[in-house]
Amino acid sequence: MWEAVNKARERYEELTRLLSDEKVVTDRKLVLKYAKERSGLEDLVAASEDLRRTEQGIKEAEEILDSSGDQELVELAKTELEALSERKETLEQDLKAMLLPKDPSDEKNTIVEIRAGAGGEEAALFASDLYRMYSKYAERQGWRVDTLGSSPTGVGGFKEVIFLVEGKGVYSKLKYESGVHRVQRVPVTESSGRIHTSAVTVAILPEADEVDVDISPEELRVDVFRSSGPGGQSVNTTDSAVRVTHIPTGIVVQCQDEKSQHKNRAKALKVLRSRLMDKVRQEQDAERANNRRQQVGTGDRSEKIRTYNFPQTRVTDHRIGLTLHKLDQVLDGDLDEIVESLATHDNELRLNAAGM
């Protein structure tokens, strides 16, 4: 581990020197490139320095235990040694996690697609609940949410809702949300009080830039039509809604939330690029099936990942066996404990696979 850490520290020091080099400071692109790389190493360097100080503290405490005849000083050294040993273990795990290859998409903005599954209107209502949950979580993180398209139902639910989340490290936190989310509750329409089980599918796609996915105009079929609301009623008198079909793959994206045809087309292409990039990622993951099964963040979208049980105010993530009895807080966007637990588990699996 220390060999890799020392290489990272040497690179950090080299970048620090480069950023003060006269030839570099006059080149804005180089400055941005080196500054970004250096920023990505700062936490690792700080943790390594903290670990070195902790190891020095352990050495000093052990020397006191070996040589001191002062009982009070020995007791203090024992207490200090115990605390420092725990800290050393934590710092070593943190450093190992920092040395793992980073997902190049972790810092990307993210497109979230929520679709009602089994359960009819109740599933559509829960899709609306999840949309609100992720919007509230984004708000807590200081992220921005932009709705790209939706198919609302007559009673406040969504057959489908697609939105873009923009901010720092969005994909790194939301990538664990892909899969089937199951809800158990008594629907508003249920007169006998029976608990129903419904399902909603969530797909998390890192936003693709134009440089990530090159789409030729000849590969697209674009249809325009009047947007419609719940029940099919027209909500616009002009042909502003856009349906884009990618002919080679058959992927279809439809956007009608904006009054401008131009804006709907731009949003549809944004979603299409991300779906195409995700398709390539899925195919690559399938080729690495064994690794894929070991990772939390790239699970099969047909996999049931979480259950929201209203009668017991319970949320259970089935991948890591985590159960929280704070359903209201979770649905209000308090996802930190779930996200952090999934990230920790994912890092542990990756560390084991890397033999660290």
Protein backbone atom coordinates (compact mmCIF):
# COMPACT_ATOMS: atom_id res chain seq x y z
CA MET A 1 0.00 0.00 0.00
CA TRP A 2 2.72 2.45 0.97
CA GLU A 3 4.41 2.09 -2.41
CA ALA A 4 1.23 3.31 -4.13
CA VAL A 5 0.75 6.05 -1.52
CA ASN A 6 4.32 7.30 -1.98
CA LYS A 7 3.88 7.42 -5.77
CA ALA A 8 0.73 9.49 -5.29
CA ARG A 9 2.54 11.85 -2.89
CA GLU A 10 5.41 12.27 -5.35
CA ARG A 11 2.92 13.12 -8.11
CA TYR A 12 1.19 15.60 -5.79
CA GLU A 13 4.49 17.35 -5.07
CA GLU A 14 5.37 17.35 -8.78
CA LEU A 15 2.01 18.94 -9.64
CA THR A 16 2.55 21.57 -6.94
CA ARG A 17 5.87 22.49 -8.57
CA LEU A 18 4.34 22.51 -12.06
CA LEU A 19 1.57 24.88 -10.99
CA SER A 20 4.19 27.46 -10.05
CA ASP A 21 6.21 26.95 -13.25
CA GLU A 22 6.20 30.04 -15.48
CA LYS A 23 5.61 27.95 -18.62
CA VAL A 24 2.53 26.36 -17.06
CA VAL A 25 0.88 29.40 -15.44
CA THR A 26 0.54 31.07 -18.84
CA ASP A 27 -1.33 28.04 -20.27
CA ARG A 28 -4.88 28.08 -18.88
CA LYS A 29 -5.70 24.54 -20.09
CA LEU A 30 -2.62 23.09 -18.40
CA VAL A 31 -3.33 24.98 -15.19
CA LEU A 32 -6.87 23.61 -15.07
CA LYS A 33 -5.67 20.09 -15.90
CA TYR A 34 -2.92 20.04 -13.26
CA ALA A 35 -5.05 21.80 -10.64
CA LYS A 36 -7.83 19.24 -11.09
CA GLU A 37 -5.40 16.32 -10.81
CA ARG A 38 -3.76 17.84 -7.73
CA SER A 39 -7.14 18.45 -6.11
CA GLY A 40 -7.99 14.77 -6.65
CA LEU A 41 -4.89 13.76 -4.66
CA GLU A 42 -5.32 16.18 -1.75
CA ASP A 43 -7.47 13.88 0.43
CA LEU A 44 -5.11 10.95 -0.12
CA VAL A 45 -2.04 13.02 0.80
CA ALA A 46 -3.76 14.43 3.90
CA ALA A 47 -4.84 10.94 5.01
CA SER A 48 -1.33 9.54 4.50
CA GLU A 49 0.17 12.33 6.61
CA ASP A 50 -2.44 11.69 9.29
CA LEU A 51 -1.57 7.99 9.22
CA ARG A 52 2.16 8.72 9.59
CA ARG A 53 1.45 10.96 12.62
CA THR A 54 -0.80 8.26 14.09
CA GLU A 55 1.88 5.59 13.66
CA GLN A 56 4.43 7.89 15.32
CA GLY A 57 2.00 8.39 18.21
CA ILE A 58 1.60 4.62 18.57
CA LYS A 59 5.39 4.20 18.65
CA GLU A 60 5.74 6.84 21.38
CA ALA A 61 2.92 5.31 23.47
CA GLU A 62 4.53 1.85 23.22
CA GLU A 63 7.89 3.30 24.34
CA ILE A 64 6.22 4.76 27.44
CA LEU A 65 4.64 1.39 28.25
CA ASP A 66 8.00 -0.36 27.91
CA SER A 67 10.09 2.10 29.91
CA SER A 68 7.97 4.11 32.34
CA GLY A 69 7.50 3.14 35.99
CA ASP A 70 4.89 5.84 36.53
CA GLN A 71 1.56 3.96 36.79
CA GLU A 72 -0.52 7.03 35.99
CA LEU A 73 1.55 7.70 32.87
CA VAL A 74 1.25 4.03 31.85
CA GLU A 75 -2.56 4.16 32.11
CA LEU A 76 -2.64 7.31 29.99
CA ALA A 77 -0.39 5.63 27.42
CA LYS A 78 -2.68 2.56 27.30
CA THR A 79 -5.74 4.74 26.67
CA GLU A 80 -3.88 6.72 24.01
CA LEU A 81 -2.60 3.54 22.36
CA GLU A 82 -6.09 2.06 22.11
CA ALA A 83 -7.50 5.23 20.50
CA LEU A 84 -4.58 5.57 18.10
CA SER A 85 -4.77 1.91 17.05
CA GLU A 86 -8.44 2.31 16.15
CA ARG A 87 -7.64 5.47 14.22
CA LYS A 88 -4.82 3.73 12.36
CA GLU A 89 -7.16 0.95 11.23
CA THR A 90 -9.72 3.47 9.97
CA LEU A 91 -7.11 5.54 8.14
CA GLU A 92 -5.62 2.45 6.48
CA GLN A 93 -9.05 1.44 5.15
CA ASP A 94 -9.69 4.99 3.94
CA LEU A 95 -6.33 5.08 2.15
CA LYS A 96 -6.93 1.73 0.48
CA ALA A 97 -10.32 2.94 -0.75
CA MET A 98 -8.71 6.11 -2.14
CA LEU A 99 -6.17 3.99 -4.04
CA LEU A 100 -8.91 2.04 -5.85
CA PRO A 101 -9.47 3.06 -9.49
CA LYS A 102 -12.13 5.75 -9.65
CA ASP A 103 -15.23 5.35 -11.77
CA PRO A 104 -14.72 7.98 -14.50
CA SER A 105 -18.43 8.77 -14.30
CA ASP A 106 -18.47 9.54 -10.57
CA GLU A 107 -18.23 13.31 -11.06
CA LYS A 108 -20.76 13.42 -13.89
CA ASN A 109 -24.25 14.87 -13.69
CA THR A 110 -26.90 12.16 -13.68
CA ILE A 111 -30.16 11.37 -15.44
CA VAL A 112 -32.68 9.58 -13.24
CA GLU A 113 -35.53 7.63 -14.84
CA ILE A 114 -38.39 6.48 -12.62
CA ARG A 115 -41.09 4.20 -14.06
CA ALA A 116 -44.18 2.74 -12.42
CA GLY A 117 -44.20 -1.06 -12.55
CA ALA A 118 -46.59 -3.63 -11.10
CA GLY A 119 -49.35 -2.06 -9.04
CA GLY A 120 -51.23 0.26 -11.39
CA GLU A 121 -52.17 3.65 -9.95
CA GLU A 122 -50.54 2.84 -6.61
CA ALA A 123 -47.21 2.23 -8.38
CA ALA A 124 -47.62 5.56 -10.21
CA LEU A 125 -48.22 7.34 -6.90
CA PHE A 126 -45.10 5.75 -5.42
CA ALA A 127 -43.13 6.83 -8.49
CA SER A 128 -44.18 10.36 -7.55
CA ASP A 129 -43.01 9.73 -3.96
CA LEU A 130 -39.58 8.61 -5.19
CA TYR A 131 -39.33 11.65 -7.48
CA ARG A 132 -39.95 13.86 -4.46
CA MET A 133 -37.48 11.83 -2.34
CA TYR A 134 -34.65 12.26 -4.84
CA SER A 135 -35.51 15.94 -5.36
CA LYS A 136 -35.34 16.52 -1.60
CA TYR A 137 -32.04 14.60 -1.38
CA ALA A 138 -30.64 16.71 -4.21
CA GLU A 139 -31.73 19.85 -2.38
CA ARG A 140 -29.90 18.69 0.77
CA GLN A 141 -26.74 18.11 -1.31
CA GLY A 142 -26.94 21.50 -2.99
CA TRP A 143 -27.64 19.94 -6.40
CA ARG A 144 -29.96 21.23 -9.12
CA VAL A 145 -32.87 19.20 -10.55
CA ASP A 146 -34.26 19.75 -14.06
CA THR A 147 -37.23 17.68 -15.22
CA LEU A 148 -36.65 16.37 -18.75
CA GLY A 149 -39.91 14.53 -19.34
CA SER A 150 -42.88 13.03 -17.52
CA SER A 151 -46.13 11.11 -18.03
CA PRO A 152 -48.41 12.17 -15.14
CA THR A 153 -51.56 10.33 -14.13
CA GLY A 154 -54.87 11.88 -13.13
CA VAL A 155 -54.42 11.51 -9.36
CA GLY A 156 -50.93 12.93 -8.89
CA GLY A 157 -48.76 9.98 -9.86
CA PHE A 158 -46.31 9.35 -12.69
CA LYS A 159 -46.23 6.51 -15.19
CA GLU A 160 -42.74 7.81 -15.93
CA VAL A 161 -40.63 10.79 -14.89
CA ILE A 162 -37.13 11.59 -16.14
CA PHE A 163 -34.96 14.30 -14.64
CA LEU A 164 -31.38 15.57 -14.67
CA VAL A 165 -29.47 16.10 -11.42
CA GLU A 166 -26.53 18.50 -11.67
CA GLY A 167 -23.84 19.06 -9.04
CA LYS A 168 -20.60 17.81 -7.52
CA GLY A 169 -20.20 14.03 -7.34
CA VAL A 170 -23.84 13.32 -8.25
CA TYR A 171 -23.31 9.95 -9.95
CA SER A 172 -20.96 8.73 -7.20
CA LYS A 173 -23.88 8.87 -4.74
CA LEU A 174 -26.91 8.11 -6.90
CA LYS A 175 -25.43 5.17 -8.83
CA TYR A 176 -26.54 2.72 -6.12
CA GLU A 177 -30.22 3.55 -6.71
CA SER A 178 -30.67 1.55 -9.95
CA GLY A 179 -33.11 -1.31 -9.57
CA VAL A 180 -36.61 -2.19 -8.41
CA HIS A 181 -37.99 -0.28 -5.43
CA ARG A 182 -40.90 -2.07 -3.75
CA VAL A 183 -43.58 -0.38 -1.62
CA GLN A 184 -45.92 -2.08 0.86
CA ARG A 185 -48.85 0.04 2.07
CA VAL A 186 -52.62 0.42 2.08
CA PRO A 187 -53.59 2.35 -1.07
CA VAL A 188 -55.90 5.35 -0.76
CA THR A 189 -58.38 3.54 -3.00
CA GLU A 190 -58.45 0.39 -0.81
CA SER A 191 -61.59 0.36 1.33
CA SER A 192 -60.88 -2.90 3.17
CA GLY A 193 -57.51 -1.76 4.53
CA ARG A 194 -55.51 -4.50 2.82
CA ILE A 195 -51.78 -3.91 2.31
CA HIS A 196 -50.77 -3.89 -1.36
CA THR A 197 -47.31 -4.44 -2.81
CA SER A 198 -46.31 -2.33 -5.80
CA ALA A 199 -43.05 -1.77 -7.62
CA VAL A 200 -41.23 1.08 -9.31
CA THR A 201 -38.09 0.82 -11.44
CA VAL A 202 -35.31 3.37 -11.10
CA ALA A 203 -32.53 3.75 -13.70
CA ILE A 204 -29.48 5.92 -13.03
CA LEU A 205 -27.53 7.11 -16.08
CA PRO A 206 -24.40 9.29 -16.03
CA GLU A 207 -24.99 12.26 -18.32
CA ALA A 208 -23.20 11.81 -21.63
CA ASP A 209 -21.51 14.75 -23.30
CA GLU A 210 -21.49 15.14 -27.06
CA VAL A 211 -17.83 14.05 -27.04
CA ASP A 212 -18.80 10.86 -25.18
CA VAL A 213 -21.39 9.77 -27.77
CA ASP A 214 -21.29 10.79 -31.41
CA ILE A 215 -24.73 10.61 -33.02
CA SER A 216 -25.08 11.11 -36.75
CA PRO A 217 -28.24 12.99 -37.86
CA GLU A 218 -28.86 10.18 -40.36
CA GLU A 219 -29.31 7.79 -37.42
CA LEU A 220 -32.25 9.76 -36.02
CA ARG A 221 -35.94 9.94 -36.81
CA VAL A 222 -37.60 12.95 -35.19
CA ASP A 223 -41.40 13.18 -34.89
CA VAL A 224 -43.29 16.18 -33.51
CA PHE A 225 -46.82 16.22 -32.08
CA ARG A 226 -49.04 18.02 -29.59
CA SER A 227 -48.25 17.35 -25.96
CA SER A 228 -50.91 15.70 -23.82
CA GLY A 229 -51.72 15.48 -20.15
CA PRO A 230 -53.44 12.89 -17.91
CA GLY A 231 -56.12 10.97 -19.78
CA GLY A 232 -54.73 12.06 -23.13
CA GLN A 233 -56.21 15.57 -23.13
CA SER A 234 -54.26 18.13 -25.14
CA VAL A 235 -52.31 20.62 -23.05
CA ASN A 236 -50.76 22.52 -25.94
CA THR A 237 -52.13 23.87 -29.20
CA THR A 238 -48.83 23.61 -31.10
CA ASP A 239 -46.70 20.65 -32.15
CA SER A 240 -44.10 21.17 -29.40
CA ALA A 241 -43.70 17.59 -28.16
CA VAL A 242 -40.79 15.65 -29.67
CA ARG A 243 -40.15 11.95 -30.13
CA VAL A 244 -36.61 10.96 -31.15
CA THR A 245 -35.87 7.44 -32.38
CA HIS A 246 -32.29 6.18 -32.68
CA ILE A 247 -32.67 3.92 -35.71
CA PRO A 248 -29.65 1.59 -35.18
CA THR A 249 -30.67 0.64 -31.62
CA GLY A 250 -34.42 1.34 -31.65
CA ILE A 251 -34.11 3.50 -28.52
CA VAL A 252 -37.00 5.99 -28.35
CA VAL A 253 -37.04 9.15 -26.22
CA GLN A 254 -40.03 11.43 -25.92
CA CYS A 255 -40.12 14.91 -24.31
CA GLN A 256 -43.11 17.21 -24.04
CA ASP A 257 -42.71 19.17 -20.79
CA GLU A 258 -41.40 22.34 -22.47
CA LYS A 259 -43.59 24.61 -24.61
CA SER A 260 -40.72 24.98 -27.07
CA GLN A 261 -40.12 22.25 -29.63
CA HIS A 262 -36.44 23.23 -29.70
CA LYS A 263 -36.07 22.75 -25.93
CA ASN A 264 -37.90 19.41 -25.99
CA ARG A 265 -35.63 18.21 -28.80
CA ALA A 266 -32.50 19.24 -26.87
CA LYS A 267 -33.70 17.42 -23.75
CA ALA A 268 -34.61 14.31 -25.74
CA LEU A 269 -31.13 14.21 -27.29
CA LYS A 270 -29.58 14.63 -23.84
CA VAL A 271 -31.47 11.57 -22.60
CA LEU A 272 -30.72 9.62 -25.79
CA ARG A 273 -26.96 10.21 -25.50
CA SER A 274 -26.99 9.01 -21.90
CA ARG A 275 -29.00 5.89 -22.76
CA LEU A 276 -26.61 5.05 -25.59
CA MET A 277 -23.58 5.50 -23.31
CA ASP A 278 -25.29 3.37 -20.66
CA LYS A 279 -26.00 0.68 -23.25
CA VAL A 280 -22.27 0.45 -24.00
CA ARG A 281 -21.50 0.32 -20.26
CA GLN A 282 -24.08 -2.45 -19.75
CA GLU A 283 -22.54 -4.49 -22.58
CA GLN A 284 -19.06 -4.02 -21.10
CA ASP A 285 -20.36 -5.04 -17.68
CA ALA A 286 -21.94 -8.17 -19.16
CA GLU A 287 -18.52 -9.15 -20.52
CA ARG A 288 -17.17 -8.78 -16.99
CA ALA A 289 -20.08 -10.63 -15.40
CA ASN A 290 -18.12 -12.01 -12.45
CA ASN A 291 -16.88 -8.58 -11.43
CA ARG A 292 -20.33 -7.13 -12.02
CA ARG A 293 -21.93 -9.51 -9.54
CA GLN A 294 -19.49 -8.40 -6.88
CA GLN A 295 -20.38 -4.72 -7.20
CA VAL A 296 -23.27 -2.98 -5.49
CA GLY A 297 -23.43 0.01 -7.79
CA THR A 298 -23.96 -1.82 -11.08
CA GLY A 299 -26.71 -4.26 -10.19
CA ASP A 300 -29.23 -5.66 -12.62
CA ARG A 301 -32.12 -3.23 -13.05
CA SER A 302 -34.59 -6.10 -12.62
CA GLU A 303 -33.18 -6.78 -9.16
CA LYS A 304 -35.34 -5.87 -6.16
CA ILE A 305 -33.01 -3.62 -4.19
CA ARG A 306 -35.17 -1.94 -1.55
CA THR A 307 -38.53 -2.24 0.23
CA TYR A 308 -40.45 0.67 1.76
CA ASN A 309 -42.88 -0.77 4.33
CA PHE A 310 -45.39 1.86 5.49
CA PRO A 311 -47.21 -0.11 8.25
CA GLN A 312 -43.88 -0.69 10.03
CA THR A 313 -42.31 2.65 8.94
CA ARG A 314 -39.40 0.53 7.74
CA VAL A 315 -36.94 0.80 4.84
CA THR A 316 -34.82 -2.24 3.98
CA ASP A 317 -32.00 -2.36 1.45
CA HIS A 318 -31.77 -6.03 0.50
CA ARG A 319 -28.26 -5.87 -0.99
CA ILE A 320 -26.57 -5.14 2.33
CA GLY A 321 -29.27 -6.18 4.81
CA LEU A 322 -29.66 -2.62 6.11
CA THR A 323 -32.98 -1.84 7.85
CA LEU A 324 -33.92 1.63 9.07
CA HIS A 325 -37.08 2.47 11.00
CA LYS A 326 -37.33 6.01 9.71
CA LEU A 327 -39.42 5.77 6.55
CA ASP A 328 -40.74 9.35 6.77
CA GLN A 329 -37.23 10.83 6.98
CA VAL A 330 -35.98 8.71 4.07
CA LEU A 331 -38.88 9.73 1.84
CA ASP A 332 -38.14 13.32 2.83
CA GLY A 333 -34.69 12.98 1.28
CA ASP A 334 -32.61 11.73 4.23
CA LEU A 335 -30.67 9.14 2.21
CA ASP A 336 -27.19 9.75 3.65
CA GLU A 337 -27.06 6.66 5.87
CA ILE A 338 -28.24 4.37 3.05
CA VAL A 339 -25.91 5.89 0.44
CA GLU A 340 -22.86 5.84 2.75
CA SER A 341 -23.52 2.23 3.82
CA LEU A 342 -23.79 1.11 0.19
CA ALA A 343 -20.60 2.98 -0.76
CA THR A 344 -18.71 1.44 2.18
CA HIS A 345 -19.90 -2.06 1.28
CA ASP A 346 -19.00 -1.52 -2.37
CA ASN A 347 -15.48 -0.38 -1.40
CA GLU A 348 -15.04 -3.45 0.83
CA LEU A 349 -15.97 -5.75 -2.04
CA ARG A 350 -13.59 -3.96 -4.40
CA LEU A 351 -10.78 -4.04 -1.83
CA ASN A 352 -11.26 -7.78 -1.35
CA ALA A 353 -11.28 -8.32 -5.11
CA ALA A 354 -8.04 -6.31 -5.38
CA GLY A 355 -6.48 -8.35 -2.55
CA MET A 356 -5.99 -5.34 -0.27
